[in-house]
Protein backbone atom coordinates (compact mmCIF):
# COMPACT_ATOMS: atom_id res chain seq x y z
CA MET A 1 142.16 195.81 34.87
CA SER A 2 144.44 193.41 36.71
CA VAL A 3 142.73 190.42 38.14
CA PRO A 4 144.22 188.69 40.95
CA ARG A 5 145.54 184.77 40.13
CA MET A 6 142.88 182.51 41.92
CA ASP A 7 143.83 179.31 43.78
CA GLY A 8 141.58 176.15 43.05
CA GLY A 9 138.65 177.28 45.44
CA GLY A 10 138.66 180.50 43.51
CA ARG A 11 140.27 182.85 46.34
CA ALA A 12 142.65 185.39 45.13
CA GLU A 13 146.03 183.28 45.49
CA ARG A 14 148.25 184.63 48.04
CA TYR A 15 152.19 184.85 48.52
CA ASP A 16 154.35 185.36 51.77
CA LEU A 17 156.18 187.93 49.91
CA VAL A 18 155.53 190.28 46.70
CA PHE A 19 157.94 192.67 45.19
CA ARG A 20 156.68 195.53 42.69
CA ALA A 21 159.57 196.99 40.75
CA ARG A 22 159.77 199.12 37.95
CA ARG A 23 163.54 197.95 36.98
CA VAL A 24 164.00 194.14 37.82
CA VAL A 25 167.49 192.58 36.62
CA THR A 26 166.07 189.14 34.99
CA ALA A 27 166.76 186.93 32.29
CA ALA A 28 164.84 188.99 30.04
CA GLY A 29 167.34 191.96 30.75
CA GLU A 30 165.96 194.94 33.02
CA VAL A 31 162.62 195.04 33.09
CA ALA A 32 159.48 195.82 35.20
CA ARG A 33 158.12 192.99 37.18
CA CYS A 34 155.97 191.68 39.80
CA ILE A 35 157.60 189.27 42.07
CA ALA A 36 156.26 186.40 44.19
CA VAL A 37 157.64 184.54 47.05
CA ARG A 38 156.68 181.38 48.69
CA ASP A 39 158.89 179.77 51.54
CA GLY A 40 162.15 181.49 50.29
CA THR A 41 161.59 180.65 46.95
CA ILE A 42 160.44 182.75 43.98
CA VAL A 43 157.13 181.25 42.42
CA ALA A 44 155.77 183.85 40.35
CA ILE A 45 157.34 186.10 37.56
CA GLU A 46 154.63 188.34 36.14
CA PRO A 47 154.04 192.44 34.90
CA LEU A 48 154.23 195.29 37.02
CA GLU A 49 150.59 195.72 36.90
CA ALA A 50 149.93 191.86 38.01
CA ALA A 51 147.33 192.19 41.07
CA LEU A 52 149.62 189.35 43.22
CA VAL A 53 148.49 189.24 46.56
CA GLY A 54 150.97 189.25 49.25
CA ASP A 55 151.33 189.05 53.25
CA ILE A 56 154.14 191.61 52.35
CA VAL A 57 154.36 193.60 49.46
CA VAL A 58 157.65 195.62 48.67
CA GLU A 59 157.30 198.47 46.67
CA LEU A 60 160.52 199.70 45.36
CA GLU A 61 161.44 203.45 44.67
CA ASP A 62 161.75 204.60 41.23
CA ASP A 63 165.44 205.03 41.56
CA GLU A 64 165.57 201.46 43.13
CA VAL A 65 166.37 198.31 41.18
CA LEU A 66 165.66 194.57 42.27
CA LEU A 67 168.60 192.55 41.36
CA PRO A 68 169.41 188.74 42.68
CA GLY A 69 171.63 188.15 45.39
CA LEU A 70 175.19 188.27 44.65
CA VAL A 71 177.60 185.17 44.90
CA ASP A 72 181.11 185.89 45.88
CA SER A 73 182.75 182.65 45.52
CA HIS A 74 186.29 183.91 46.26
CA VAL A 75 185.55 184.67 50.17
CA HIS A 76 188.79 184.17 52.97
CA VAL A 77 187.20 184.38 56.26
CA ASN A 78 189.61 183.12 58.17
CA GLU A 79 187.70 181.17 60.94
CA PRO A 80 189.01 179.24 63.06
CA GLY A 81 192.53 180.37 63.88
CA ARG A 82 192.72 184.04 62.93
CA THR A 83 189.70 185.06 63.44
CA GLU A 84 191.15 188.74 64.92
CA TRP A 85 191.73 188.89 60.81
CA GLU A 86 187.99 188.52 60.20
CA GLY A 87 185.30 185.74 60.88
CA PHE A 88 181.72 184.55 59.98
CA ALA A 89 179.54 187.13 61.85
CA SER A 90 181.70 190.02 60.60
CA ALA A 91 182.13 188.79 56.96
CA THR A 92 178.60 187.74 56.49
CA ARG A 93 177.30 190.89 57.55
CA ALA A 94 179.91 192.92 55.50
CA ALA A 95 178.50 190.54 52.94
CA ALA A 96 174.81 191.63 53.36
CA ALA A 97 175.48 194.62 53.50
CA GLY A 98 176.76 194.67 49.98
CA GLY A 99 174.16 192.94 48.48
CA VAL A 100 175.73 189.45 48.58
CA THR A 101 173.47 186.27 49.96
CA THR A 102 176.15 183.54 49.18
CA ILE A 103 179.85 183.40 50.18
CA VAL A 104 182.01 180.42 48.84
CA ASP A 105 184.93 179.99 52.45
CA MET A 106 188.55 179.65 50.96
CA PRO A 107 190.16 176.46 52.89
CA LEU A 108 193.21 179.02 54.31
CA ASN A 109 193.91 181.36 56.48
CA SER A 110 191.99 179.33 59.08
CA ILE A 111 193.59 176.96 61.19
CA PRO A 112 193.36 174.10 60.17
CA PRO A 113 192.91 174.86 56.59
CA THR A 114 190.47 172.98 54.77
CA THR A 115 192.31 170.11 53.38
CA THR A 116 190.46 167.28 55.02
CA VAL A 117 187.06 165.96 56.17
CA ASP A 118 187.75 166.41 59.87
CA ALA A 119 189.05 170.09 59.14
CA LEU A 120 185.81 171.06 56.94
CA GLU A 121 183.59 169.77 60.30
CA VAL A 122 185.39 172.12 62.31
CA LYS A 123 184.68 174.64 59.97
CA ARG A 124 181.40 173.73 59.75
CA LYS A 125 181.30 173.89 63.16
CA ALA A 126 182.56 177.76 63.90
CA ALA A 127 180.34 179.09 61.10
CA ALA A 128 177.03 177.38 62.62
CA ASP A 129 174.82 179.76 64.27
CA GLN A 130 177.09 183.10 62.90
CA ALA A 131 176.44 183.51 59.21
CA PHE A 132 173.78 186.22 58.02
CA VAL A 133 174.26 184.85 54.61
CA ASP A 134 174.65 181.25 53.06
CA VAL A 135 178.07 180.07 53.37
CA GLY A 136 179.95 177.21 51.36
CA PHE A 137 183.09 176.14 51.68
CA TRP A 138 186.02 174.86 48.96
CA GLY A 139 188.58 172.18 49.98
CA GLY A 140 192.19 172.76 49.57
CA ALA A 141 194.87 170.85 47.43
CA VAL A 142 198.10 170.51 49.06
CA PRO A 143 201.09 168.02 48.95
CA ASP A 144 200.13 165.26 51.50
CA ASN A 145 196.22 165.30 51.07
CA LEU A 146 195.99 163.51 47.37
CA ALA A 147 194.13 160.79 49.22
CA ASP A 148 191.76 163.25 51.10
CA LEU A 149 190.24 164.86 47.95
CA ARG A 150 187.21 162.17 47.03
CA GLY A 151 186.30 162.77 50.88
CA LEU A 152 185.97 166.40 50.68
CA HIS A 153 184.04 166.02 47.58
CA ASP A 154 181.85 163.73 49.14
CA ALA A 155 181.47 165.91 51.81
CA GLY A 156 180.40 168.50 49.91
CA VAL A 157 182.98 170.98 49.26
CA PHE A 158 182.53 172.82 45.76
CA GLY A 159 185.80 172.21 44.73
CA PHE A 160 189.45 172.42 45.45
CA LYS A 161 191.76 175.62 45.90
CA CYS A 162 195.48 175.21 45.39
CA PHE A 163 198.67 177.50 45.06
CA LEU A 164 201.89 177.78 42.55
CA LEU A 165 203.93 179.28 44.97
CA HIS A 166 204.36 180.02 48.57
CA SER A 167 200.57 180.81 50.10
CA GLY A 168 201.70 183.31 52.61
CA VAL A 169 200.98 180.66 55.35
CA ASP A 170 202.85 177.52 56.20
CA GLU A 171 199.96 175.36 57.10
CA PHE A 172 198.76 175.40 53.37
CA PRO A 173 201.89 174.44 50.83
CA HIS A 174 202.27 175.17 47.16
CA LEU A 175 202.07 172.29 44.63
CA GLU A 176 204.63 171.81 42.30
CA PRO A 177 203.64 171.39 38.62
CA ASP A 178 204.00 167.41 39.06
CA GLN A 179 201.78 167.41 42.17
CA LEU A 180 199.24 169.55 40.64
CA GLU A 181 198.77 166.90 37.56
CA ALA A 182 198.66 164.21 39.83
CA ALA A 183 195.53 166.26 42.03
CA MET A 184 193.66 167.09 38.33
CA ARG A 185 193.86 163.54 37.83
CA GLU A 186 192.36 162.67 40.94
CA ILE A 187 189.57 165.29 40.80
CA ALA A 188 188.95 164.62 37.25
CA SER A 189 188.14 161.07 38.54
CA PHE A 190 185.27 162.41 40.04
CA GLY A 191 184.38 165.77 38.05
CA ALA A 192 185.56 168.17 40.61
CA LEU A 193 186.96 171.38 39.98
CA MET A 194 190.32 172.34 40.37
CA ILE A 195 190.75 176.57 41.31
CA VAL A 196 194.45 177.62 40.86
CA HIS A 197 196.31 180.93 42.24
CA ALA A 198 198.40 180.77 39.04
CA GLU A 199 201.65 182.51 40.20
CA ASP A 200 204.87 180.37 39.29
CA SER A 201 206.81 179.93 42.32
CA HIS A 202 210.64 180.09 40.33
CA ALA A 203 210.08 183.04 38.36
CA ILE A 204 208.63 185.14 41.46
CA ASP A 205 212.13 183.52 43.16
CA ARG A 206 214.48 184.60 40.32
CA ALA A 207 212.75 188.57 40.41
CA VAL A 208 213.65 191.43 42.60
CA SER A 209 212.62 191.09 46.54
CA PRO A 210 210.10 193.71 47.70
CA HIS A 211 211.41 195.69 50.34
CA GLY A 212 210.53 199.33 51.48
CA GLU A 213 207.99 201.63 50.35
CA ASP A 214 208.30 201.64 46.36
CA TYR A 215 205.08 200.39 44.32
CA ASP A 216 207.17 199.93 41.60
CA GLY A 217 209.61 197.74 42.94
CA PHE A 218 206.87 195.55 44.48
CA LEU A 219 205.27 195.28 41.15
CA ARG A 220 208.75 193.98 40.06
CA SER A 221 208.60 191.25 42.61
CA ARG A 222 205.63 189.71 40.97
CA PRO A 223 205.94 190.15 37.24
CA ARG A 224 203.00 189.65 34.42
CA GLY A 225 205.56 186.87 33.36
CA ALA A 226 205.31 184.83 36.37
CA GLU A 227 201.52 185.16 36.18
CA ASN A 228 201.19 184.01 32.49
CA LEU A 229 203.90 181.13 32.73
CA ALA A 230 201.56 179.73 35.75
CA ILE A 231 198.38 180.03 33.32
CA ALA A 232 200.34 178.22 30.55
CA THR A 233 201.31 175.32 32.72
CA VAL A 234 197.57 175.36 34.42
CA ILE A 235 196.24 175.37 30.82
CA GLU A 236 198.49 172.04 29.70
CA LEU A 237 197.61 170.49 32.89
CA ALA A 238 193.90 171.23 32.09
CA ARG A 239 194.04 169.70 28.72
CA TRP A 240 196.20 166.89 29.40
CA THR A 241 193.98 165.63 32.57
CA GLY A 242 190.43 166.78 31.17
CA ALA A 243 190.16 168.60 34.83
CA ARG A 244 187.52 171.50 34.93
CA THR A 245 190.03 174.09 35.87
CA HIS A 246 189.48 177.84 37.51
CA ILE A 247 192.05 180.82 37.07
CA LEU A 248 191.70 182.57 40.44
CA HIS A 249 192.00 186.47 40.71
CA LEU A 250 193.50 187.17 36.93
CA SER A 251 195.48 190.30 37.01
CA SER A 252 197.75 189.76 33.93
CA SER A 253 195.65 191.03 30.86
CA ASP A 254 198.78 189.15 28.70
CA ALA A 255 197.19 185.85 29.41
CA ILE A 256 193.93 186.59 27.88
CA PRO A 257 194.90 185.21 24.44
CA MET A 258 196.18 182.21 25.67
CA ILE A 259 192.76 181.86 27.69
CA ARG A 260 190.83 182.59 24.62
CA SER A 261 192.92 180.14 22.88
CA ALA A 262 192.28 177.29 25.03
CA ARG A 263 189.03 177.11 25.41
CA ARG A 264 188.69 177.15 21.73
CA ASP A 265 190.67 173.79 21.54
CA GLY A 266 187.95 172.49 24.14
CA VAL A 267 189.98 173.09 27.83
CA ARG A 268 187.34 173.29 30.45
CA LEU A 269 188.65 176.68 31.56
CA SER A 270 186.89 179.43 33.27
CA VAL A 271 188.47 182.49 34.91
CA GLU A 272 187.53 185.31 37.15
CA THR A 273 189.43 188.99 38.26
CA CYS A 274 188.44 191.16 40.87
CA PRO A 275 187.01 194.57 41.95
CA HIS A 276 190.37 195.90 42.81
CA TYR A 277 192.08 195.24 39.46
CA LEU A 278 188.89 196.92 37.53
CA THR A 279 189.27 199.62 39.71
CA PHE A 280 192.86 200.72 40.93
CA THR A 281 196.14 201.11 38.50
CA ALA A 282 199.32 200.63 39.84
CA GLU A 283 200.23 204.63 38.83
CA GLU A 284 197.92 205.89 41.32
CA VAL A 285 199.15 203.75 44.18
CA ALA A 286 201.24 205.78 46.49
CA ASP A 287 204.77 204.80 47.58
CA GLY A 288 204.10 203.24 51.33
CA ALA A 289 200.45 202.68 50.97
CA THR A 290 200.71 198.93 51.35
CA GLN A 291 196.52 198.96 51.80
CA PHE A 292 197.05 198.62 48.13
CA LYS A 293 199.39 195.34 48.23
CA CYS A 294 197.84 191.90 47.50
CA CYS A 295 199.04 189.16 44.93
CA PRO A 296 198.85 189.36 42.06
CA PRO A 297 199.42 192.81 42.49
CA ILE A 298 196.99 195.81 41.02
CA ARG A 299 198.87 196.49 37.79
CA GLU A 300 199.07 199.37 34.95
CA ALA A 301 195.89 201.27 33.70
CA ASP A 302 196.56 200.04 30.11
CA ASN A 303 196.21 196.38 31.75
CA ARG A 304 193.38 197.22 33.67
CA GLU A 305 191.64 198.49 30.46
CA GLU A 306 192.30 194.94 28.90
CA LEU A 307 190.88 193.42 31.75
CA TRP A 308 187.51 195.17 31.11
CA ARG A 309 187.85 194.09 27.24
CA GLY A 310 188.19 190.51 28.37
CA LEU A 311 184.76 191.22 30.67
CA THR A 312 183.25 192.69 27.56
CA HIS A 313 184.19 189.89 25.40
CA GLY A 314 183.69 187.20 27.54
CA ASP A 315 187.02 185.88 28.09
CA ILE A 316 186.72 186.76 31.71
CA ASP A 317 183.45 184.83 33.16
CA LEU A 318 183.28 186.32 36.59
CA VAL A 319 184.12 189.23 39.11
CA VAL A 320 184.48 188.32 43.02
CA SER A 321 186.09 189.78 45.79
CA ASP A 322 189.19 187.89 46.65
CA HIS A 323 188.24 189.28 50.28
CA SER A 324 191.50 188.79 51.95
CA PRO A 325 191.55 191.00 55.46
CA CYS A 326 193.93 191.15 58.25
CA THR A 327 194.90 193.27 61.32
CA PRO A 328 195.90 196.53 60.39
CA GLU A 329 199.33 195.87 62.34
CA LEU A 330 199.90 193.19 59.60
CA LYS A 331 199.50 195.89 56.83
CA ARG A 332 202.36 197.82 58.22
CA LEU A 333 201.15 201.10 57.57
CA ASP A 334 203.47 202.56 60.05
CA VAL A 335 206.47 201.91 58.08
CA GLY A 336 204.37 201.08 54.43
CA ASP A 337 206.99 198.74 53.59
CA PHE A 338 205.62 196.33 50.97
CA GLY A 339 208.03 193.51 51.69
CA LEU A 340 206.86 193.33 55.30
CA ALA A 341 203.33 194.21 54.74
CA TRP A 342 200.20 191.29 54.49
CA GLY A 343 198.74 190.97 50.91
CA GLY A 344 195.32 191.20 50.53
CA ILE A 345 192.20 193.84 49.59
CA ALA A 346 189.26 193.63 51.86
CA SER A 347 186.31 194.51 49.73
CA LEU A 348 183.52 191.74 50.63
CA GLN A 349 180.95 194.80 51.21
CA LEU A 350 182.05 197.11 48.41
CA GLY A 351 182.33 194.81 45.25
CA LEU A 352 178.80 196.01 43.68
CA PRO A 353 179.61 199.65 44.15
CA ALA A 354 183.17 199.07 42.99
CA VAL A 355 182.56 197.29 39.91
CA TRP A 356 179.02 199.19 39.03
CA THR A 357 181.12 202.75 39.14
CA GLU A 358 183.74 201.66 36.79
CA ALA A 359 181.34 199.71 34.42
CA ARG A 360 178.93 202.62 33.72
CA ARG A 361 181.82 204.63 32.60
CA ARG A 362 182.41 202.05 30.02
CA GLY A 363 178.99 201.91 28.72
CA HIS A 364 177.77 198.24 30.52
CA THR A 365 174.79 198.06 32.30
CA LEU A 366 173.46 196.59 35.68
CA VAL A 367 172.34 193.09 33.54
CA ASP A 368 176.08 192.94 33.02
CA VAL A 369 177.02 193.31 36.33
CA VAL A 370 174.59 190.61 37.16
CA ARG A 371 175.76 188.41 34.73
CA TRP A 372 179.67 189.11 36.21
CA MET A 373 178.85 188.82 40.07
CA ALA A 374 175.74 186.63 40.18
CA GLU A 375 174.96 184.45 37.39
CA GLY A 376 178.73 183.31 37.09
CA PRO A 377 179.68 182.58 40.59
CA ALA A 378 176.80 180.54 40.62
CA ASP A 379 177.36 178.96 37.59
CA GLN A 380 180.93 178.39 38.80
CA THR A 381 180.20 176.27 41.98
CA GLY A 382 176.99 174.57 40.37
CA LEU A 383 174.34 176.65 42.77
CA LEU A 384 172.23 177.10 39.85
CA HIS A 385 169.12 177.83 42.05
CA LYS A 386 171.04 181.32 42.97
CA GLY A 387 172.66 184.30 41.36
CA ARG A 388 169.26 185.23 39.28
CA VAL A 389 165.78 186.22 39.29
CA ALA A 390 164.16 183.24 38.04
CA LEU A 391 161.37 180.80 38.70
CA GLY A 392 161.79 178.26 41.08
CA GLY A 393 165.30 180.27 42.22
CA ASP A 394 165.74 181.08 45.96
CA ALA A 395 164.20 184.31 46.77
CA ASP A 396 167.59 186.03 47.54
CA LEU A 397 167.59 189.26 46.43
CA CYS A 398 169.32 192.85 46.57
CA VAL A 399 167.54 196.56 46.74
CA PHE A 400 170.16 198.78 44.82
CA ALA A 401 170.15 202.59 44.16
CA PRO A 402 172.55 202.37 41.16
CA ASP A 403 172.54 206.20 41.00
CA GLN A 404 173.14 207.27 45.09
CA ALA A 405 176.80 208.01 45.63
CA PHE A 406 178.94 208.04 48.82
CA VAL A 407 182.12 207.81 49.74
CA VAL A 408 183.99 204.95 51.43
CA ASP A 409 184.94 205.45 55.27
CA PRO A 410 186.30 202.57 56.71
CA ALA A 411 184.84 202.92 59.53
CA ARG A 412 181.57 202.40 58.67
CA LEU A 413 182.30 199.10 57.16
CA HIS A 414 181.02 195.53 58.78
CA HIS A 415 184.37 193.82 57.83
CA LYS A 416 186.00 192.87 61.11
CA ASN A 417 189.39 196.02 60.76
CA PRO A 418 189.07 199.35 59.17
CA VAL A 419 191.62 198.86 56.38
CA SER A 420 190.61 199.60 52.97
CA ALA A 421 192.03 200.52 49.77
CA TYR A 422 188.63 202.13 48.47
CA ALA A 423 189.08 204.54 51.58
CA GLY A 424 188.09 208.24 50.65
CA ARG A 425 187.08 206.59 47.10
CA PRO A 426 183.68 207.82 46.15
CA LEU A 427 181.23 205.46 44.45
CA ALA A 428 178.05 204.88 42.79
CA GLY A 429 175.38 202.50 43.70
CA VAL A 430 173.92 201.61 47.57
CA VAL A 431 172.57 198.65 48.67
CA ARG A 432 168.89 199.50 50.41
CA SER A 433 168.18 196.30 51.68
CA THR A 434 169.13 192.69 51.44
CA TRP A 435 166.72 189.55 51.15
CA LEU A 436 167.72 185.97 52.04
CA ALA A 437 164.96 183.16 50.90
CA GLY A 438 162.67 185.92 51.17
CA THR A 439 163.68 187.27 54.76
CA ARG A 440 164.90 190.46 54.74
CA VAL A 441 168.12 190.48 56.37
CA ASP A 442 168.97 192.23 59.77
CA ILE A 443 172.26 192.43 60.68
CA ASP A 444 171.49 193.39 64.13
CA ALA A 445 169.19 190.25 64.96
CA GLU A 446 169.45 186.60 64.46
CA PRO A 447 171.69 185.12 61.83
CA ARG A 448 169.33 182.55 59.54
CA GLY A 449 172.02 181.97 56.63
CA ARG A 450 172.44 178.03 56.01
CA LEU A 451 175.84 176.33 55.42
CA LEU A 452 175.32 174.81 51.95
CA ARG A 453 176.87 171.55 50.53
CA ARG A 454 177.73 171.07 46.59
CA GLY A 455 174.91 169.40 44.79
CA LEU A 456 172.45 169.86 47.82
CA ARG A 457 169.77 172.77 47.71
């Protein structure tokens, strides 16, 4: 017979919220547990039969698993300036619907980009009172803001993003290798993180120009070699400068051996990939299907399987969305021209089921998915109180039905624009509820998300 916990006065200890679940993903694996929450924090993790008393008690169904809320550290919200593409209200609704409880916003494609402290404050003001999940911010590293990097760091950005080729928007110019080295030396002096869109501009300039409906032609315009060359450059700069460095949206599996070698040498390097690189293959992209255009591109089936092997062996640390939406007109579905269409895939709401669908086919478990999509991004950003079901952690949680299937209907997604490469695709796994700091997220009610700063809880 289970005995309730007692407080100092001999009364049964009472919590704000108690979850009882036969399946909870914790540091111990997938186990049966009773989870207690007080003031938004997990304060007790006990065997399922523990008689914990809560003002609210949530009993999970047999087909449900309690997961930590996911952390998506690669999201383009685009507000202010391009709010018609996406915005904080729509993006964070989509995040909550997809089991994501924390996002970190990229410094572009908003106007102004987040390259100065003043621009960061503009971004924060835009996000305030609109966020349904917690939101942090990356700063940007561009040619003329070397003197701004320390100020942005002190203002709480989680690190600095740069491009090694044209970013797609003129207000966020790319860095040449000597400029990247200078920026990395600067941020190494105060322990910050550089995150890099690694495609070599000169290699891309010499590749074929993308145009028309031919996906194979678009693929040749963004060759693996351009990505491999840029990653090699980044690795050596990280080695020389000692800066913590992160490779964004790895699509070329060719780069995995040199990533592994660099880490063996002690280079402080982490790597992410994205659900679309783990799901789609170049062979299945129809001519004119510009909803699949992204940069770097979706590559061949053998490349996809090598990325999965990289995840399995720990060469790739995390999986995040690179949610990069735009209006339907900018996708140029009317003409299907890969040269004209905006490159980016909107998947913030779909990342968890997309990855789970492919992961379980390959023998992976939800413990693996949580490591890639919750723990990994939380560790990357220093949000160690997020991304895990653990004592003292934020009670950011997701109730997930892994065996429930659905077919993606873009009209039912919460992204601002109903354009999705996943349209019509059957996926496994449905998010039935999302909890932020111990409160169930209601996307039709008042937003309760917080704006996060690096180093502050």
